[in-house]
């Protein structure tokens, strides 16, 4: 079962800091990726809703609940 999905815009975010998988405009891309994965791994499942250990705000921004900043 997949808990957290990830999608990055490598042109604007080559270091993969901003996970855009949960932004509304990217739902179609995620659906396409899921279909490809299911063709390869039919037993794969996804947990619906907010992934365990993460918070997703109204804009689709993903934050780890356990992230600690040392700044």
PDB file of N, CA and C in Angstrom:
ATOM      1  N   UNK A   1       0.850  -1.186   0.000  1.00  0.00           N
ATOM      2  CA  UNK A   1       0.000   0.000   0.000  1.00  0.00           C
ATOM      3  C   UNK A   1       0.891   1.243   0.000  1.00  0.00           C
ATOM      4  N   UNK A   2       0.534   2.194  -0.834  1.00  0.00           N
ATOM      5  CA  UNK A   2       1.293   3.442  -0.918  1.00  0.00           C
ATOM      6  C   UNK A   2       0.668   4.463   0.019  1.00  0.00           C
ATOM      7  N   UNK A   3       1.489   5.062   0.865  1.00  0.00           N
ATOM      8  CA  UNK A   3       1.020   6.054   1.830  1.00  0.00           C
ATOM      9  C   UNK A   3       1.171   7.468   1.269  1.00  0.00           C
ATOM     10  N   UNK A   4       2.349   7.812   0.772  1.00  0.00           N
ATOM     11  CA  UNK A   4       2.632   9.167   0.291  1.00  0.00           C
ATOM     12  C   UNK A   4       3.000   9.119  -1.185  1.00  0.00           C
ATOM     13  N   UNK A   5       2.331   9.932  -1.984  1.00  0.00           N
ATOM     14  CA  UNK A   5       2.702  10.044  -3.395  1.00  0.00           C
ATOM     15  C   UNK A   5       3.563  11.283  -3.571  1.00  0.00           C
ATOM     16  N   UNK A   6       4.495  11.200  -4.521  1.00  0.00           N
ATOM     17  CA  UNK A   6       5.389  12.323  -4.766  1.00  0.00           C
ATOM     18  C   UNK A   6       5.394  12.674  -6.244  1.00  0.00           C
ATOM     19  N   UNK A   7       5.441  13.974  -6.511  1.00  0.00           N
ATOM     20  CA  UNK A   7       5.536  14.502  -7.868  1.00  0.00           C
ATOM     21  C   UNK A   7       6.295  15.814  -7.771  1.00  0.00           C
ATOM     22  N   UNK A   8       7.295  15.978  -8.641  1.00  0.00           N
ATOM     23  CA  UNK A   8       8.129  17.181  -8.595  1.00  0.00           C
ATOM     24  C   UNK A   8       8.249  17.793  -9.983  1.00  0.00           C
ATOM     25  N   UNK A   9       8.372  19.100 -10.038  1.00  0.00           N
ATOM     26  CA  UNK A   9       8.627  19.846 -11.268  1.00  0.00           C
ATOM     27  C   UNK A   9      10.135  20.042 -11.353  1.00  0.00           C
ATOM     28  N   UNK A  10      10.820  19.147 -12.055  1.00  0.00           N
ATOM     29  CA  UNK A  10      12.279  19.174 -12.081  1.00  0.00           C
ATOM     30  C   UNK A  10      12.858  20.393 -12.791  1.00  0.00           C
ATOM     31  N   UNK A  11      12.092  21.043 -13.639  1.00  0.00           N
ATOM     32  CA  UNK A  11      12.590  22.272 -14.268  1.00  0.00           C
ATOM     33  C   UNK A  11      12.715  23.393 -13.252  1.00  0.00           C
ATOM     34  N   UNK A  12      11.745  23.503 -12.355  1.00  0.00           N
ATOM     35  CA  UNK A  12      11.728  24.580 -11.371  1.00  0.00           C
ATOM     36  C   UNK A  12      12.180  24.143  -9.983  1.00  0.00           C
ATOM     37  N   UNK A  13      12.282  22.847  -9.758  1.00  0.00           N
ATOM     38  CA  UNK A  13      12.622  22.315  -8.435  1.00  0.00           C
ATOM     39  C   UNK A  13      13.517  21.079  -8.594  1.00  0.00           C
ATOM     40  N   UNK A  14      14.747  21.257  -9.115  1.00  0.00           N
ATOM     41  CA  UNK A  14      15.607  20.105  -9.396  1.00  0.00           C
ATOM     42  C   UNK A  14      16.020  19.325  -8.147  1.00  0.00           C
ATOM     43  N   UNK A  15      15.944  19.943  -6.986  1.00  0.00           N
ATOM     44  CA  UNK A  15      16.338  19.268  -5.747  1.00  0.00           C
ATOM     45  C   UNK A  15      15.166  18.611  -5.021  1.00  0.00           C
ATOM     46  N   UNK A  16      13.993  18.654  -5.622  1.00  0.00           N
ATOM     47  CA  UNK A  16      12.785  18.003  -5.096  1.00  0.00           C
ATOM     48  C   UNK A  16      12.432  18.456  -3.680  1.00  0.00           C
ATOM     49  N   UNK A  17      12.307  19.759  -3.521  1.00  0.00           N
ATOM     50  CA  UNK A  17      11.900  20.313  -2.225  1.00  0.00           C
ATOM     51  C   UNK A  17      10.392  20.447  -2.101  1.00  0.00           C
ATOM     52  N   UNK A  18       9.701  20.666  -3.222  1.00  0.00           N
ATOM     53  CA  UNK A  18       8.266  20.970  -3.192  1.00  0.00           C
ATOM     54  C   UNK A  18       7.473  19.841  -3.850  1.00  0.00           C
ATOM     55  N   UNK A  19       6.883  18.969  -3.044  1.00  0.00           N
ATOM     56  CA  UNK A  19       6.067  17.866  -3.543  1.00  0.00           C
ATOM     57  C   UNK A  19       4.725  18.436  -4.011  1.00  0.00           C
ATOM     58  N   UNK A  20       4.475  18.357  -5.317  1.00  0.00           N
ATOM     59  CA  UNK A  20       3.259  18.945  -5.887  1.00  0.00           C
ATOM     60  C   UNK A  20       2.190  17.893  -6.198  1.00  0.00           C
ATOM     61  N   UNK A  21       2.348  16.697  -5.673  1.00  0.00           N
ATOM     62  CA  UNK A  21       1.422  15.600  -5.978  1.00  0.00           C
ATOM     63  C   UNK A  21       0.001  15.863  -5.505  1.00  0.00           C
ATOM     64  N   UNK A  22      -0.163  16.641  -4.444  1.00  0.00           N
ATOM     65  CA  UNK A  22      -1.490  16.839  -3.865  1.00  0.00           C
ATOM     66  C   UNK A  22      -2.128  18.166  -4.270  1.00  0.00           C
ATOM     67  N   UNK A  23      -1.492  18.890  -5.182  1.00  0.00           N
ATOM     68  CA  UNK A  23      -2.084  20.123  -5.691  1.00  0.00           C
ATOM     69  C   UNK A  23      -3.175  19.755  -6.700  1.00  0.00           C
ATOM     70  N   UNK A  24      -4.301  20.438  -6.619  1.00  0.00           N
ATOM     71  CA  UNK A  24      -5.489  20.096  -7.412  1.00  0.00           C
ATOM     72  C   UNK A  24      -5.184  19.968  -8.907  1.00  0.00           C
ATOM     73  N   UNK A  25      -4.363  20.839  -9.449  1.00  0.00           N
ATOM     74  CA  UNK A  25      -4.067  20.825 -10.877  1.00  0.00           C
ATOM     75  C   UNK A  25      -3.273  19.624 -11.348  1.00  0.00           C
ATOM     76  N   UNK A  26      -2.755  18.826 -10.428  1.00  0.00           N
ATOM     77  CA  UNK A  26      -1.929  17.677 -10.802  1.00  0.00           C
ATOM     78  C   UNK A  26      -2.643  16.337 -10.642  1.00  0.00           C
ATOM     79  N   UNK A  27      -3.932  16.359 -10.338  1.00  0.00           N
ATOM     80  CA  UNK A  27      -4.682  15.121 -10.131  1.00  0.00           C
ATOM     81  C   UNK A  27      -4.637  14.217 -11.362  1.00  0.00           C
ATOM     82  N   UNK A  28      -4.747  14.795 -12.550  1.00  0.00           N
ATOM     83  CA  UNK A  28      -4.709  13.997 -13.775  1.00  0.00           C
ATOM     84  C   UNK A  28      -3.384  13.281 -13.963  1.00  0.00           C
ATOM     85  N   UNK A  29      -2.290  13.957 -13.638  1.00  0.00           N
ATOM     86  CA  UNK A  29      -0.962  13.341 -13.752  1.00  0.00           C
ATOM     87  C   UNK A  29      -0.849  12.175 -12.775  1.00  0.00           C
ATOM     88  N   UNK A  30      -1.301  12.385 -11.544  1.00  0.00           N
ATOM     89  CA  UNK A  30      -1.248  11.321 -10.541  1.00  0.00           C
ATOM     90  C   UNK A  30      -2.102  10.134 -10.989  1.00  0.00           C
ATOM     91  N   UNK A  31      -3.281  10.400 -11.532  1.00  0.00           N
ATOM     92  CA  UNK A  31      -4.141   9.312 -12.026  1.00  0.00           C
ATOM     93  C   UNK A  31      -3.455   8.526 -13.142  1.00  0.00           C
ATOM     94  N   UNK A  32      -2.759   9.225 -14.054  1.00  0.00           N
ATOM     95  CA  UNK A  32      -2.020   8.553 -15.129  1.00  0.00           C
ATOM     96  C   UNK A  32      -0.906   7.689 -14.558  1.00  0.00           C
ATOM     97  N   UNK A  33      -0.167   8.220 -13.590  1.00  0.00           N
ATOM     98  CA  UNK A  33       0.931   7.464 -12.979  1.00  0.00           C
ATOM     99  C   UNK A  33       0.401   6.224 -12.260  1.00  0.00           C
ATOM    100  N   UNK A  34      -0.724   6.374 -11.575  1.00  0.00           N
ATOM    101  CA  UNK A  34      -1.323   5.221 -10.892  1.00  0.00           C
ATOM    102  C   UNK A  34      -1.691   4.122 -11.896  1.00  0.00           C
ATOM    103  N   UNK A  35      -2.240   4.516 -13.040  1.00  0.00           N
ATOM    104  CA  UNK A  35      -2.625   3.530 -14.053  1.00  0.00           C
ATOM    105  C   UNK A  35      -1.401   2.770 -14.561  1.00  0.00           C
ATOM    106  N   UNK A  36      -0.316   3.482 -14.836  1.00  0.00           N
ATOM    107  CA  UNK A  36       0.912   2.828 -15.299  1.00  0.00           C
ATOM    108  C   UNK A  36       1.427   1.858 -14.235  1.00  0.00           C
ATOM    109  N   UNK A  37       1.437   2.306 -12.982  1.00  0.00           N
ATOM    110  CA  UNK A  37       1.904   1.436 -11.901  1.00  0.00           C
ATOM    111  C   UNK A  37       1.015   0.207 -11.738  1.00  0.00           C
ATOM    112  N   UNK A  38      -0.298   0.391 -11.853  1.00  0.00           N
ATOM    113  CA  UNK A  38      -1.213  -0.752 -11.737  1.00  0.00           C
ATOM    114  C   UNK A  38      -1.031  -1.762 -12.868  1.00  0.00           C
ATOM    115  N   UNK A  39      -0.674  -1.273 -14.062  1.00  0.00           N
ATOM    116  CA  UNK A  39      -0.389  -2.188 -15.167  1.00  0.00           C
ATOM    117  C   UNK A  39       0.822  -3.062 -14.836  1.00  0.00           C
ATOM    118  N   UNK A  40       1.797  -2.498 -14.133  1.00  0.00           N
ATOM    119  CA  UNK A  40       3.007  -3.238 -13.768  1.00  0.00           C
ATOM    120  C   UNK A  40       2.827  -4.064 -12.497  1.00  0.00           C
ATOM    121  N   UNK A  41       2.071  -3.515 -11.538  1.00  0.00           N
ATOM    122  CA  UNK A  41       1.888  -4.143 -10.224  1.00  0.00           C
ATOM    123  C   UNK A  41       0.409  -4.127  -9.847  1.00  0.00           C
ATOM    124  N   UNK A  42      -0.388  -5.060 -10.374  1.00  0.00           N
ATOM    125  CA  UNK A  42      -1.838  -5.022 -10.164  1.00  0.00           C
ATOM    126  C   UNK A  42      -2.273  -5.111  -8.700  1.00  0.00           C
ATOM    127  N   UNK A  43      -1.429  -5.616  -7.833  1.00  0.00           N
ATOM    128  CA  UNK A  43      -1.787  -5.748  -6.422  1.00  0.00           C
ATOM    129  C   UNK A  43      -1.587  -4.449  -5.634  1.00  0.00           C
ATOM    130  N   UNK A  44      -1.036  -3.438  -6.262  1.00  0.00           N
ATOM    131  CA  UNK A  44      -0.743  -2.173  -5.591  1.00  0.00           C
ATOM    132  C   UNK A  44      -2.024  -1.447  -5.196  1.00  0.00           C
ATOM    133  N   UNK A  45      -2.023  -0.852  -4.011  1.00  0.00           N
ATOM    134  CA  UNK A  45      -3.167  -0.062  -3.551  1.00  0.00           C
ATOM    135  C   UNK A  45      -2.672   1.259  -2.990  1.00  0.00           C
ATOM    136  N   UNK A  46      -3.571   2.216  -2.917  1.00  0.00           N
ATOM    137  CA  UNK A  46      -3.270   3.528  -2.373  1.00  0.00           C
ATOM    138  C   UNK A  46      -4.219   3.829  -1.238  1.00  0.00           C
ATOM    139  N   UNK A  47      -3.687   4.415  -0.207  1.00  0.00           N
ATOM    140  CA  UNK A  47      -4.521   4.864   0.904  1.00  0.00           C
ATOM    141  C   UNK A  47      -5.106   6.219   0.520  1.00  0.00           C
ATOM    142  N   UNK A  48      -6.392   6.365   0.640  1.00  0.00           N
ATOM    143  CA  UNK A  48      -7.042   7.639   0.320  1.00  0.00           C
ATOM    144  C   UNK A  48      -6.934   8.587   1.507  1.00  0.00           C
ATOM    145  N   UNK A  49      -7.021   9.855   1.230  1.00  0.00           N
ATOM    146  CA  UNK A  49      -6.960  10.862   2.283  1.00  0.00           C
ATOM    147  C   UNK A  49      -5.535  11.300   2.569  1.00  0.00           C
ATOM    148  N   UNK A  50      -5.360  11.954   3.681  1.00  0.00           N
ATOM    149  CA  UNK A  50      -4.052  12.478   4.064  1.00  0.00           C
ATOM    150  C   UNK A  50      -3.123  11.330   4.453  1.00  0.00           C
ATOM    151  N   UNK A  51      -1.902  11.315   3.901  1.00  0.00           N
ATOM    152  CA  UNK A  51      -0.957  10.251   4.243  1.00  0.00           C
ATOM    153  C   UNK A  51      -0.566  10.303   5.721  1.00  0.00           C
ATOM    154  N   UNK A  52      -0.351   9.135   6.319  1.00  0.00           N
ATOM    155  CA  UNK A  52       0.092   9.070   7.710  1.00  0.00           C
ATOM    156  C   UNK A  52       1.407   9.817   7.874  1.00  0.00           C
ATOM    157  N   UNK A  53       1.486  10.665   8.899  1.00  0.00           N
ATOM    158  CA  UNK A  53       2.718  11.381   9.200  1.00  0.00           C
ATOM    159  C   UNK A  53       2.896  12.683   8.442  1.00  0.00           C
ATOM    160  N   UNK A  54       1.881  13.094   7.690  1.00  0.00           N
ATOM    161  CA  UNK A  54       1.968  14.311   6.885  1.00  0.00           C
ATOM    162  C   UNK A  54       0.710  15.151   7.055  1.00  0.00           C
ATOM    163  N   UNK A  55       0.856  16.437   6.775  1.00  0.00           N
ATOM    164  CA  UNK A  55      -0.271  17.355   6.738  1.00  0.00           C
ATOM    165  C   UNK A  55      -0.326  17.953   5.343  1.00  0.00           C
ATOM    166  N   UNK A  56      -1.515  18.030   4.777  1.00  0.00           N
ATOM    167  CA  UNK A  56      -1.705  18.652   3.465  1.00  0.00           C
ATOM    168  C   UNK A  56      -2.655  19.820   3.661  1.00  0.00           C
ATOM    169  N   UNK A  57      -2.193  21.025   3.306  1.00  0.00           N
ATOM    170  CA  UNK A  57      -3.039  22.200   3.509  1.00  0.00           C
ATOM    171  C   UNK A  57      -4.014  22.380   2.347  1.00  0.00           C
ATOM    172  N   UNK A  58      -4.828  23.410   2.414  1.00  0.00           N
ATOM    173  CA  UNK A  58      -5.880  23.647   1.417  1.00  0.00           C
ATOM    174  C   UNK A  58      -5.326  23.866   0.013  1.00  0.00           C
ATOM    175  N   UNK A  59      -4.063  24.299  -0.104  1.00  0.00           N
ATOM    176  CA  UNK A  59      -3.440  24.519  -1.408  1.00  0.00           C
ATOM    177  C   UNK A  59      -2.725  23.281  -1.935  1.00  0.00           C
ATOM    178  N   UNK A  60      -2.739  22.193  -1.160  1.00  0.00           N
ATOM    179  CA  UNK A  60      -2.078  20.966  -1.589  1.00  0.00           C
ATOM    180  C   UNK A  60      -0.623  20.875  -1.199  1.00  0.00           C
ATOM    181  N   UNK A  61      -0.158  21.778  -0.336  1.00  0.00           N
ATOM    182  CA  UNK A  61       1.226  21.725   0.126  1.00  0.00           C
ATOM    183  C   UNK A  61       1.380  20.617   1.162  1.00  0.00           C
ATOM    184  N   UNK A  62       2.436  19.821   1.021  1.00  0.00           N
ATOM    185  CA  UNK A  62       2.675  18.673   1.889  1.00  0.00           C
ATOM    186  C   UNK A  62       3.760  19.021   2.896  1.00  0.00           C
ATOM    187  N   UNK A  63       3.496  18.722   4.162  1.00  0.00           N
ATOM    188  CA  UNK A  63       4.481  18.947   5.221  1.00  0.00           C
ATOM    189  C   UNK A  63       4.558  17.700   6.087  1.00  0.00           C
ATOM    190  N   UNK A  64       5.780  17.296   6.408  1.00  0.00           N
ATOM    191  CA  UNK A  64       5.979  16.184   7.331  1.00  0.00           C
ATOM    192  C   UNK A  64       5.625  16.638   8.735  1.00  0.00           C
ATOM    193  N   UNK A  65       4.879  15.824   9.455  1.00  0.00           N
ATOM    194  CA  UNK A  65       4.505  16.173  10.821  1.00  0.00           C
ATOM    195  C   UNK A  65       5.700  16.136  11.768  1.00  0.00           C
ATOM    196  N   UNK A  66       6.747  15.398  11.418  1.00  0.00           N
ATOM    197  CA  UNK A  66       7.902  15.240  12.299  1.00  0.00           C
ATOM    198  C   UNK A  66       9.120  16.024  11.836  1.00  0.00           C
ATOM    199  N   UNK A  67       8.946  16.931  10.876  1.00  0.00           N
ATOM    200  CA  UNK A  67      10.078  17.696  10.361  1.00  0.00           C
ATOM    201  C   UNK A  67      10.600  18.653  11.421  1.00  0.00           C
ATOM    202  N   UNK A  68      11.926  18.648  11.606  1.00  0.00           N
ATOM    203  CA  UNK A  68      12.555  19.571  12.541  1.00  0.00           C
ATOM    204  C   UNK A  68      13.532  20.440  11.774  1.00  0.00           C
ATOM    205  N   UNK A  69      13.392  21.728  11.911  1.00  0.00           N
ATOM    206  CA  UNK A  69      14.302  22.669  11.272  1.00  0.00           C
ATOM    207  C   UNK A  69      15.379  23.067  12.269  1.00  0.00           C
ATOM    208  N   UNK A  70      16.592  23.145  11.804  1.00  0.00           N
ATOM    209  CA  UNK A  70      17.706  23.502  12.682  1.00  0.00           C
ATOM    210  C   UNK A  70      18.211  24.910  12.403  1.00  0.00           C
ATOM    211  N   UNK A  71      17.364  25.747  11.840  1.00  0.00           N
ATOM    212  CA  UNK A  71      17.756  27.133  11.561  1.00  0.00           C
ATOM    213  C   UNK A  71      17.429  28.016  12.716  1.00  0.00           C
TER     214      UNK A  71
END
